[in-house]
Amino acid sequence: DAREHFEREYLQAQIERFGGNISRTASFVGME
């Protein structure tokens, strides 16, 4: 649960950081 909590908070913060742009978020976090 802690891992999921961290991933949720982390990815939400990255999405907000890049203004909702999924392509830029994926590139930064290293995922397809």
PDB file of all heavy atoms in Angstrom:
ATOM      1  N   ASP A   1       0.831  -1.210   0.000  1.00  0.00           N
ATOM      2  CA  ASP A   1       0.000   0.000   0.000  1.00  0.00           C
ATOM      3  C   ASP A   1       0.865   1.260   0.000  1.00  0.00           C
ATOM      4  O   ASP A   1       0.548   2.259  -0.662  1.00  0.00           O
ATOM      5  CB  ASP A   1      -0.928   0.012   1.218  1.00  0.00           C
ATOM      6  CG  ASP A   1      -1.990  -1.070   1.146  1.00  0.00           C
ATOM      7  OD1 ASP A   1      -2.177  -1.635   0.051  1.00  0.00           O
ATOM      8  OD2 ASP A   1      -2.622  -1.362   2.181  1.00  0.00           O
ATOM      9  N   ALA A   2       1.981   1.214   0.754  1.00  0.00           N
ATOM     10  CA  ALA A   2       2.871   2.372   0.798  1.00  0.00           C
ATOM     11  C   ALA A   2       3.493   2.630  -0.565  1.00  0.00           C
ATOM     12  O   ALA A   2       3.639   3.790  -0.984  1.00  0.00           O
ATOM     13  CB  ALA A   2       3.966   2.149   1.842  1.00  0.00           C
ATOM     14  N   ARG A   3       3.850   1.505  -1.262  1.00  0.00           N
ATOM     15  CA  ARG A   3       4.432   1.665  -2.596  1.00  0.00           C
ATOM     16  C   ARG A   3       3.412   2.292  -3.549  1.00  0.00           C
ATOM     17  O   ARG A   3       3.732   3.195  -4.317  1.00  0.00           O
ATOM     18  CB  ARG A   3       4.900   0.314  -3.129  1.00  0.00           C
ATOM     19  CG  ARG A   3       5.599   0.421  -4.486  1.00  0.00           C
ATOM     20  CD  ARG A   3       5.933  -0.939  -5.077  1.00  0.00           C
ATOM     21  NE  ARG A   3       6.860  -1.667  -4.235  1.00  0.00           N
ATOM     22  CZ  ARG A   3       6.582  -2.815  -3.622  1.00  0.00           C
ATOM     23  NH1 ARG A   3       5.380  -3.365  -3.745  1.00  0.00           N
ATOM     24  NH2 ARG A   3       7.497  -3.417  -2.894  1.00  0.00           N
ATOM     25  N   GLU A   4       2.176   1.804  -3.492  1.00  0.00           N
ATOM     26  CA  GLU A   4       1.128   2.369  -4.351  1.00  0.00           C
ATOM     27  C   GLU A   4       0.863   3.835  -4.012  1.00  0.00           C
ATOM     28  O   GLU A   4       0.648   4.656  -4.903  1.00  0.00           O
ATOM     29  CB  GLU A   4      -0.170   1.556  -4.203  1.00  0.00           C
ATOM     30  CG  GLU A   4      -0.165   0.228  -4.924  1.00  0.00           C
ATOM     31  CD  GLU A   4      -1.545  -0.407  -4.938  1.00  0.00           C
ATOM     32  OE1 GLU A   4      -2.498   0.231  -4.411  1.00  0.00           O
ATOM     33  OE2 GLU A   4      -1.688  -1.532  -5.469  1.00  0.00           O
ATOM     34  N   HIS A   5       0.886   4.121  -2.721  1.00  0.00           N
ATOM     35  CA  HIS A   5       0.675   5.505  -2.283  1.00  0.00           C
ATOM     36  C   HIS A   5       1.771   6.418  -2.853  1.00  0.00           C
ATOM     37  O   HIS A   5       1.493   7.497  -3.389  1.00  0.00           O
ATOM     38  CB  HIS A   5       0.672   5.578  -0.760  1.00  0.00           C
ATOM     39  CG  HIS A   5       0.577   6.972  -0.210  1.00  0.00           C
ATOM     40  ND1 HIS A   5      -0.619   7.654  -0.097  1.00  0.00           N
ATOM     41  CD2 HIS A   5       1.543   7.828   0.238  1.00  0.00           C
ATOM     42  CE1 HIS A   5      -0.396   8.860   0.396  1.00  0.00           C
ATOM     43  NE2 HIS A   5       0.910   8.988   0.613  1.00  0.00           N
ATOM     44  N   PHE A   6       3.019   5.941  -2.732  1.00  0.00           N
ATOM     45  CA  PHE A   6       4.129   6.731  -3.253  1.00  0.00           C
ATOM     46  C   PHE A   6       4.010   6.913  -4.764  1.00  0.00           C
ATOM     47  O   PHE A   6       4.174   8.025  -5.286  1.00  0.00           O
ATOM     48  CB  PHE A   6       5.465   6.058  -2.928  1.00  0.00           C
ATOM     49  CG  PHE A   6       6.627   6.666  -3.661  1.00  0.00           C
ATOM     50  CD1 PHE A   6       7.165   7.880  -3.253  1.00  0.00           C
ATOM     51  CD2 PHE A   6       7.151   6.049  -4.797  1.00  0.00           C
ATOM     52  CE1 PHE A   6       8.221   8.460  -3.945  1.00  0.00           C
ATOM     53  CE2 PHE A   6       8.201   6.633  -5.499  1.00  0.00           C
ATOM     54  CZ  PHE A   6       8.739   7.828  -5.070  1.00  0.00           C
ATOM     55  N   GLU A   7       3.724   5.815  -5.491  1.00  0.00           N
ATOM     56  CA  GLU A   7       3.622   5.904  -6.950  1.00  0.00           C
ATOM     57  C   GLU A   7       2.511   6.863  -7.365  1.00  0.00           C
ATOM     58  O   GLU A   7       2.662   7.644  -8.309  1.00  0.00           O
ATOM     59  CB  GLU A   7       3.373   4.514  -7.547  1.00  0.00           C
ATOM     60  CG  GLU A   7       4.573   3.588  -7.489  1.00  0.00           C
ATOM     61  CD  GLU A   7       4.281   2.229  -8.106  1.00  0.00           C
ATOM     62  OE1 GLU A   7       3.085   1.886  -8.261  1.00  0.00           O
ATOM     63  OE2 GLU A   7       5.238   1.517  -8.442  1.00  0.00           O
ATOM     64  N   ARG A   8       1.390   6.795  -6.655  1.00  0.00           N
ATOM     65  CA  ARG A   8       0.255   7.671  -6.987  1.00  0.00           C
ATOM     66  C   ARG A   8       0.641   9.146  -6.784  1.00  0.00           C
ATOM     67  O   ARG A   8       0.414   9.989  -7.657  1.00  0.00           O
ATOM     68  CB  ARG A   8      -0.949   7.314  -6.111  1.00  0.00           C
ATOM     69  CG  ARG A   8      -2.215   8.083  -6.472  1.00  0.00           C
ATOM     70  CD  ARG A   8      -3.375   7.698  -5.564  1.00  0.00           C
ATOM     71  NE  ARG A   8      -3.715   6.285  -5.709  1.00  0.00           N
ATOM     72  CZ  ARG A   8      -3.479   5.355  -4.784  1.00  0.00           C
ATOM     73  NH1 ARG A   8      -2.877   5.698  -3.630  1.00  0.00           N
ATOM     74  NH2 ARG A   8      -3.824   4.104  -4.981  1.00  0.00           N
ATOM     75  N   GLU A   9       1.247   9.429  -5.628  1.00  0.00           N
ATOM     76  CA  GLU A   9       1.639  10.810  -5.337  1.00  0.00           C
ATOM     77  C   GLU A   9       2.734  11.283  -6.298  1.00  0.00           C
ATOM     78  O   GLU A   9       2.712  12.419  -6.789  1.00  0.00           O
ATOM     79  CB  GLU A   9       2.143  10.925  -3.892  1.00  0.00           C
ATOM     80  CG  GLU A   9       1.095  10.678  -2.825  1.00  0.00           C
ATOM     81  CD  GLU A   9       0.001  11.735  -2.840  1.00  0.00           C
ATOM     82  OE1 GLU A   9       0.335  12.925  -3.003  1.00  0.00           O
ATOM     83  OE2 GLU A   9      -1.179  11.364  -2.707  1.00  0.00           O
ATOM     84  N   TYR A  10       3.687  10.396  -6.568  1.00  0.00           N
ATOM     85  CA  TYR A  10       4.805  10.745  -7.443  1.00  0.00           C
ATOM     86  C   TYR A  10       4.325  11.044  -8.864  1.00  0.00           C
ATOM     87  O   TYR A  10       4.676  12.076  -9.458  1.00  0.00           O
ATOM     88  CB  TYR A  10       5.817   9.603  -7.457  1.00  0.00           C
ATOM     89  CG  TYR A  10       6.919   9.761  -8.491  1.00  0.00           C
ATOM     90  CD1 TYR A  10       7.977  10.630  -8.282  1.00  0.00           C
ATOM     91  CD2 TYR A  10       6.878   9.035  -9.689  1.00  0.00           C
ATOM     92  CE1 TYR A  10       8.978  10.778  -9.222  1.00  0.00           C
ATOM     93  CE2 TYR A  10       7.874   9.180 -10.643  1.00  0.00           C
ATOM     94  CZ  TYR A  10       8.931  10.049 -10.410  1.00  0.00           C
ATOM     95  OH  TYR A  10       9.907  10.212 -11.350  1.00  0.00           O
ATOM     96  N   LEU A  11       3.510  10.147  -9.412  1.00  0.00           N
ATOM     97  CA  LEU A  11       3.044  10.327 -10.790  1.00  0.00           C
ATOM     98  C   LEU A  11       2.087  11.522 -10.900  1.00  0.00           C
ATOM     99  O   LEU A  11       2.106  12.251 -11.901  1.00  0.00           O
ATOM    100  CB  LEU A  11       2.374   9.048 -11.294  1.00  0.00           C
ATOM    101  CG  LEU A  11       3.337   7.860 -11.487  1.00  0.00           C
ATOM    102  CD1 LEU A  11       2.564   6.595 -11.881  1.00  0.00           C
ATOM    103  CD2 LEU A  11       4.377   8.185 -12.566  1.00  0.00           C
ATOM    104  N   GLN A  12       1.260  11.712  -9.873  1.00  0.00           N
ATOM    105  CA  GLN A  12       0.369  12.876  -9.898  1.00  0.00           C
ATOM    106  C   GLN A  12       1.179  14.173  -9.904  1.00  0.00           C
ATOM    107  O   GLN A  12       0.868  15.120 -10.653  1.00  0.00           O
ATOM    108  CB  GLN A  12      -0.557  12.863  -8.686  1.00  0.00           C
ATOM    109  CG  GLN A  12      -1.601  13.980  -8.677  1.00  0.00           C
ATOM    110  CD  GLN A  12      -2.622  13.822  -9.794  1.00  0.00           C
ATOM    111  OE1 GLN A  12      -3.350  12.824  -9.838  1.00  0.00           O
ATOM    112  NE2 GLN A  12      -2.674  14.782 -10.698  1.00  0.00           N
ATOM    113  N   ALA A  13       2.246  14.197  -9.103  1.00  0.00           N
ATOM    114  CA  ALA A  13       3.098  15.392  -9.061  1.00  0.00           C
ATOM    115  C   ALA A  13       3.795  15.622 -10.395  1.00  0.00           C
ATOM    116  O   ALA A  13       3.916  16.769 -10.864  1.00  0.00           O
ATOM    117  CB  ALA A  13       4.137  15.249  -7.941  1.00  0.00           C
ATOM    118  N   GLN A  14       4.258  14.533 -11.043  1.00  0.00           N
ATOM    119  CA  GLN A  14       4.930  14.682 -12.337  1.00  0.00           C
ATOM    120  C   GLN A  14       3.956  15.150 -13.420  1.00  0.00           C
ATOM    121  O   GLN A  14       4.310  15.991 -14.266  1.00  0.00           O
ATOM    122  CB  GLN A  14       5.582  13.349 -12.755  1.00  0.00           C
ATOM    123  CG  GLN A  14       6.702  12.880 -11.837  1.00  0.00           C
ATOM    124  CD  GLN A  14       7.881  13.835 -11.807  1.00  0.00           C
ATOM    125  OE1 GLN A  14       7.984  14.740 -12.635  1.00  0.00           O
ATOM    126  NE2 GLN A  14       8.781  13.657 -10.844  1.00  0.00           N
ATOM    127  N   ILE A  15       2.746  14.639 -13.390  1.00  0.00           N
ATOM    128  CA  ILE A  15       1.731  15.066 -14.377  1.00  0.00           C
ATOM    129  C   ILE A  15       1.440  16.554 -14.208  1.00  0.00           C
ATOM    130  O   ILE A  15       1.349  17.310 -15.178  1.00  0.00           O
ATOM    131  CB  ILE A  15       0.445  14.217 -14.222  1.00  0.00           C
ATOM    132  CG1 ILE A  15       0.690  12.789 -14.719  1.00  0.00           C
ATOM    133  CG2 ILE A  15      -0.715  14.852 -14.994  1.00  0.00           C
ATOM    134  CD1 ILE A  15      -0.404  11.825 -14.351  1.00  0.00           C
ATOM    135  N   GLU A  16       1.289  16.988 -12.942  1.00  0.00           N
ATOM    136  CA  GLU A  16       1.045  18.410 -12.691  1.00  0.00           C
ATOM    137  C   GLU A  16       2.252  19.236 -13.118  1.00  0.00           C
ATOM    138  O   GLU A  16       2.118  20.334 -13.665  1.00  0.00           O
ATOM    139  CB  GLU A  16       0.754  18.635 -11.208  1.00  0.00           C
ATOM    140  CG  GLU A  16      -0.581  18.057 -10.761  1.00  0.00           C
ATOM    141  CD  GLU A  16      -0.805  18.224  -9.276  1.00  0.00           C
ATOM    142  OE1 GLU A  16       0.113  18.720  -8.592  1.00  0.00           O
ATOM    143  OE2 GLU A  16      -1.886  17.834  -8.782  1.00  0.00           O
ATOM    144  N   ARG A  17       3.445  18.700 -12.864  1.00  0.00           N
ATOM    145  CA  ARG A  17       4.666  19.398 -13.227  1.00  0.00           C
ATOM    146  C   ARG A  17       4.721  19.688 -14.713  1.00  0.00           C
ATOM    147  O   ARG A  17       5.151  20.761 -15.142  1.00  0.00           O
ATOM    148  CB  ARG A  17       5.872  18.555 -12.802  1.00  0.00           C
ATOM    149  CG  ARG A  17       7.211  19.109 -13.242  1.00  0.00           C
ATOM    150  CD  ARG A  17       8.321  18.104 -12.951  1.00  0.00           C
ATOM    151  NE  ARG A  17       9.594  18.583 -13.452  1.00  0.00           N
ATOM    152  CZ  ARG A  17      10.684  17.838 -13.521  1.00  0.00           C
ATOM    153  NH1 ARG A  17      10.652  16.578 -13.133  1.00  0.00           N
ATOM    154  NH2 ARG A  17      11.816  18.343 -13.982  1.00  0.00           N
ATOM    155  N   PHE A  18       4.293  18.718 -15.538  1.00  0.00           N
ATOM    156  CA  PHE A  18       4.339  18.881 -16.995  1.00  0.00           C
ATOM    157  C   PHE A  18       2.998  19.306 -17.579  1.00  0.00           C
ATOM    158  O   PHE A  18       2.733  19.130 -18.761  1.00  0.00           O
ATOM    159  CB  PHE A  18       4.812  17.576 -17.652  1.00  0.00           C
ATOM    160  CG  PHE A  18       6.241  17.239 -17.350  1.00  0.00           C
ATOM    161  CD1 PHE A  18       6.571  16.200 -16.496  1.00  0.00           C
ATOM    162  CD2 PHE A  18       7.269  18.005 -17.894  1.00  0.00           C
ATOM    163  CE1 PHE A  18       7.898  15.906 -16.203  1.00  0.00           C
ATOM    164  CE2 PHE A  18       8.601  17.720 -17.606  1.00  0.00           C
ATOM    165  CZ  PHE A  18       8.918  16.663 -16.753  1.00  0.00           C
ATOM    166  N   GLY A  19       2.144  19.898 -16.751  1.00  0.00           N
ATOM    167  CA  GLY A  19       0.895  20.479 -17.229  1.00  0.00           C
ATOM    168  C   GLY A  19      -0.054  19.486 -17.860  1.00  0.00           C
ATOM    169  O   GLY A  19      -0.824  19.833 -18.756  1.00  0.00           O
ATOM    170  N   GLY A  20      -0.029  18.224 -17.404  1.00  0.00           N
ATOM    171  CA  GLY A  20      -0.939  17.219 -17.945  1.00  0.00           C
ATOM    172  C   GLY A  20      -0.454  16.573 -19.221  1.00  0.00           C
ATOM    173  O   GLY A  20      -1.171  15.773 -19.824  1.00  0.00           O
ATOM    174  N   ASN A  21       0.762  16.901 -19.651  1.00  0.00           N
ATOM    175  CA  ASN A  21       1.294  16.335 -20.887  1.00  0.00           C
ATOM    176  C   ASN A  21       1.860  14.941 -20.601  1.00  0.00           C
ATOM    177  O   ASN A  21       2.909  14.787 -19.974  1.00  0.00           O
ATOM    178  CB  ASN A  21       2.390  17.253 -21.443  1.00  0.00           C
ATOM    179  CG  ASN A  21       2.836  16.844 -22.837  1.00  0.00           C
ATOM    180  OD1 ASN A  21       3.211  15.699 -23.052  1.00  0.00           O
ATOM    181  ND2 ASN A  21       2.791  17.789 -23.750  1.00  0.00           N
ATOM    182  N   ILE A  22       1.147  13.906 -21.065  1.00  0.00           N
ATOM    183  CA  ILE A  22       1.517  12.521 -20.765  1.00  0.00           C
ATOM    184  C   ILE A  22       2.815  12.137 -21.454  1.00  0.00           C
ATOM    185  O   ILE A  22       3.652  11.409 -20.885  1.00  0.00           O
ATOM    186  CB  ILE A  22       0.385  11.559 -21.169  1.00  0.00           C
ATOM    187  CG1 ILE A  22      -0.866  11.856 -20.347  1.00  0.00           C
ATOM    188  CG2 ILE A  22       0.803  10.111 -20.962  1.00  0.00           C
ATOM    189  CD1 ILE A  22      -0.679  11.686 -18.858  1.00  0.00           C
ATOM    190  N   SER A  23       3.025  12.600 -22.685  1.00  0.00           N
ATOM    191  CA  SER A  23       4.248  12.233 -23.413  1.00  0.00           C
ATOM    192  C   SER A  23       5.489  12.726 -22.675  1.00  0.00           C
ATOM    193  O   SER A  23       6.468  11.989 -22.509  1.00  0.00           O
ATOM    194  CB  SER A  23       4.219  12.817 -24.828  1.00  0.00           C
ATOM    195  OG  SER A  23       3.171  12.246 -25.577  1.00  0.00           O
ATOM    196  N   ARG A  24       5.465  13.983 -22.217  1.00  0.00           N
ATOM    197  CA  ARG A  24       6.616  14.527 -21.500  1.00  0.00           C
ATOM    198  C   ARG A  24       6.792  13.852 -20.146  1.00  0.00           C
ATOM    199  O   ARG A  24       7.916  13.614 -19.693  1.00  0.00           O
ATOM    200  CB  ARG A  24       6.460  16.033 -21.328  1.00  0.00           C
ATOM    201  CG  ARG A  24       6.515  16.809 -22.639  1.00  0.00           C
ATOM    202  CD  ARG A  24       6.267  18.287 -22.420  1.00  0.00           C
ATOM    203  NE  ARG A  24       7.300  18.876 -21.565  1.00  0.00           N
ATOM    204  CZ  ARG A  24       7.204  20.081 -21.013  1.00  0.00           C
ATOM    205  NH1 ARG A  24       6.105  20.797 -21.205  1.00  0.00           N
ATOM    206  NH2 ARG A  24       8.176  20.559 -20.265  1.00  0.00           N
ATOM    207  N   THR A  25       5.664  13.534 -19.465  1.00  0.00           N
ATOM    208  CA  THR A  25       5.743  12.842 -18.185  1.00  0.00           C
ATOM    209  C   THR A  25       6.368  11.464 -18.360  1.00  0.00           C
ATOM    210  O   THR A  25       7.257  11.062 -17.599  1.00  0.00           O
ATOM    211  CB  THR A  25       4.341  12.710 -17.557  1.00  0.00           C
ATOM    212  OG1 THR A  25       3.752  14.002 -17.426  1.00  0.00           O
ATOM    213  CG2 THR A  25       4.426  12.051 -16.191  1.00  0.00           C
ATOM    214  N   ALA A  26       5.907  10.726 -19.380  1.00  0.00           N
ATOM    215  CA  ALA A  26       6.436   9.380 -19.629  1.00  0.00           C
ATOM    216  C   ALA A  26       7.927   9.424 -19.931  1.00  0.00           C
ATOM    217  O   ALA A  26       8.702   8.594 -19.450  1.00  0.00           O
ATOM    218  CB  ALA A  26       5.677   8.737 -20.794  1.00  0.00           C
ATOM    219  N   SER A  27       8.354  10.429 -20.727  1.00  0.00           N
ATOM    220  CA  SER A  27       9.764  10.553 -21.070  1.00  0.00           C
ATOM    221  C   SER A  27      10.605  10.798 -19.822  1.00  0.00           C
ATOM    222  O   SER A  27      11.677  10.213 -19.657  1.00  0.00           O
ATOM    223  CB  SER A  27       9.953  11.685 -22.078  1.00  0.00           C
ATOM    224  OG  SER A  27      11.315  11.902 -22.344  1.00  0.00           O
ATOM    225  N   PHE A  28      10.110  11.650 -18.926  1.00  0.00           N
ATOM    226  CA  PHE A  28      10.892  11.986 -17.735  1.00  0.00           C
ATOM    227  C   PHE A  28      10.975  10.801 -16.775  1.00  0.00           C
ATOM    228  O   PHE A  28      12.044  10.520 -16.217  1.00  0.00           O
ATOM    229  CB  PHE A  28      10.285  13.193 -17.016  1.00  0.00           C
ATOM    230  CG  PHE A  28      11.014  13.558 -15.760  1.00  0.00           C
ATOM    231  CD1 PHE A  28      12.185  14.292 -15.819  1.00  0.00           C
ATOM    232  CD2 PHE A  28      10.549  13.135 -14.512  1.00  0.00           C
ATOM    233  CE1 PHE A  28      12.883  14.609 -14.664  1.00  0.00           C
ATOM    234  CE2 PHE A  28      11.239  13.452 -13.357  1.00  0.00           C
ATOM    235  CZ  PHE A  28      12.409  14.190 -13.431  1.00  0.00           C
ATOM    236  N   VAL A  29       9.849  10.091 -16.533  1.00  0.00           N
ATOM    237  CA  VAL A  29       9.855   9.007 -15.545  1.00  0.00           C
ATOM    238  C   VAL A  29      10.440   7.723 -16.121  1.00  0.00           C
ATOM    239  O   VAL A  29      10.663   6.755 -15.387  1.00  0.00           O
ATOM    240  CB  VAL A  29       8.435   8.745 -14.992  1.00  0.00           C
ATOM    241  CG1 VAL A  29       7.874   9.998 -14.358  1.00  0.00           C
ATOM    242  CG2 VAL A  29       7.502   8.214 -16.076  1.00  0.00           C
ATOM    243  N   GLY A  30      10.713   7.679 -17.453  1.00  0.00           N
ATOM    244  CA  GLY A  30      11.348   6.517 -18.062  1.00  0.00           C
ATOM    245  C   GLY A  30      10.407   5.379 -18.357  1.00  0.00           C
ATOM    246  O   GLY A  30      10.791   4.200 -18.230  1.00  0.00           O
ATOM    247  N   MET A  31       9.178   5.704 -18.773  1.00  0.00           N
ATOM    248  CA  MET A  31       8.196   4.676 -19.121  1.00  0.00           C
ATOM    249  C   MET A  31       7.675   4.914 -20.524  1.00  0.00           C
ATOM    250  O   MET A  31       7.689   6.048 -21.019  1.00  0.00           O
ATOM    251  CB  MET A  31       7.009   4.701 -18.132  1.00  0.00           C
ATOM    252  CG  MET A  31       7.360   4.372 -16.703  1.00  0.00           C
ATOM    253  SD  MET A  31       5.910   4.477 -15.605  1.00  0.00           S
ATOM    254  CE  MET A  31       4.932   3.079 -16.199  1.00  0.00           C
ATOM    255  N   GLU A  32       7.203   3.842 -21.170  1.00  0.00           N
ATOM    256  CA  GLU A  32       6.489   4.007 -22.428  1.00  0.00           C
ATOM    257  C   GLU A  32       5.162   4.696 -22.148  1.00  0.00           C
ATOM    258  O   GLU A  32       4.565   4.516 -21.083  1.00  0.00           O
ATOM    259  CB  GLU A  32       6.244   2.641 -23.087  1.00  0.00           C
ATOM    260  CG  GLU A  32       7.500   1.927 -23.551  1.00  0.00           C
ATOM    261  CD  GLU A  32       8.127   2.630 -24.742  1.00  0.00           C
ATOM    262  OE1 GLU A  32       7.398   3.330 -25.483  1.00  0.00           O
ATOM    263  OE2 GLU A  32       9.353   2.487 -24.919  1.00  0.00           O
TER     264      GLU A  32
END
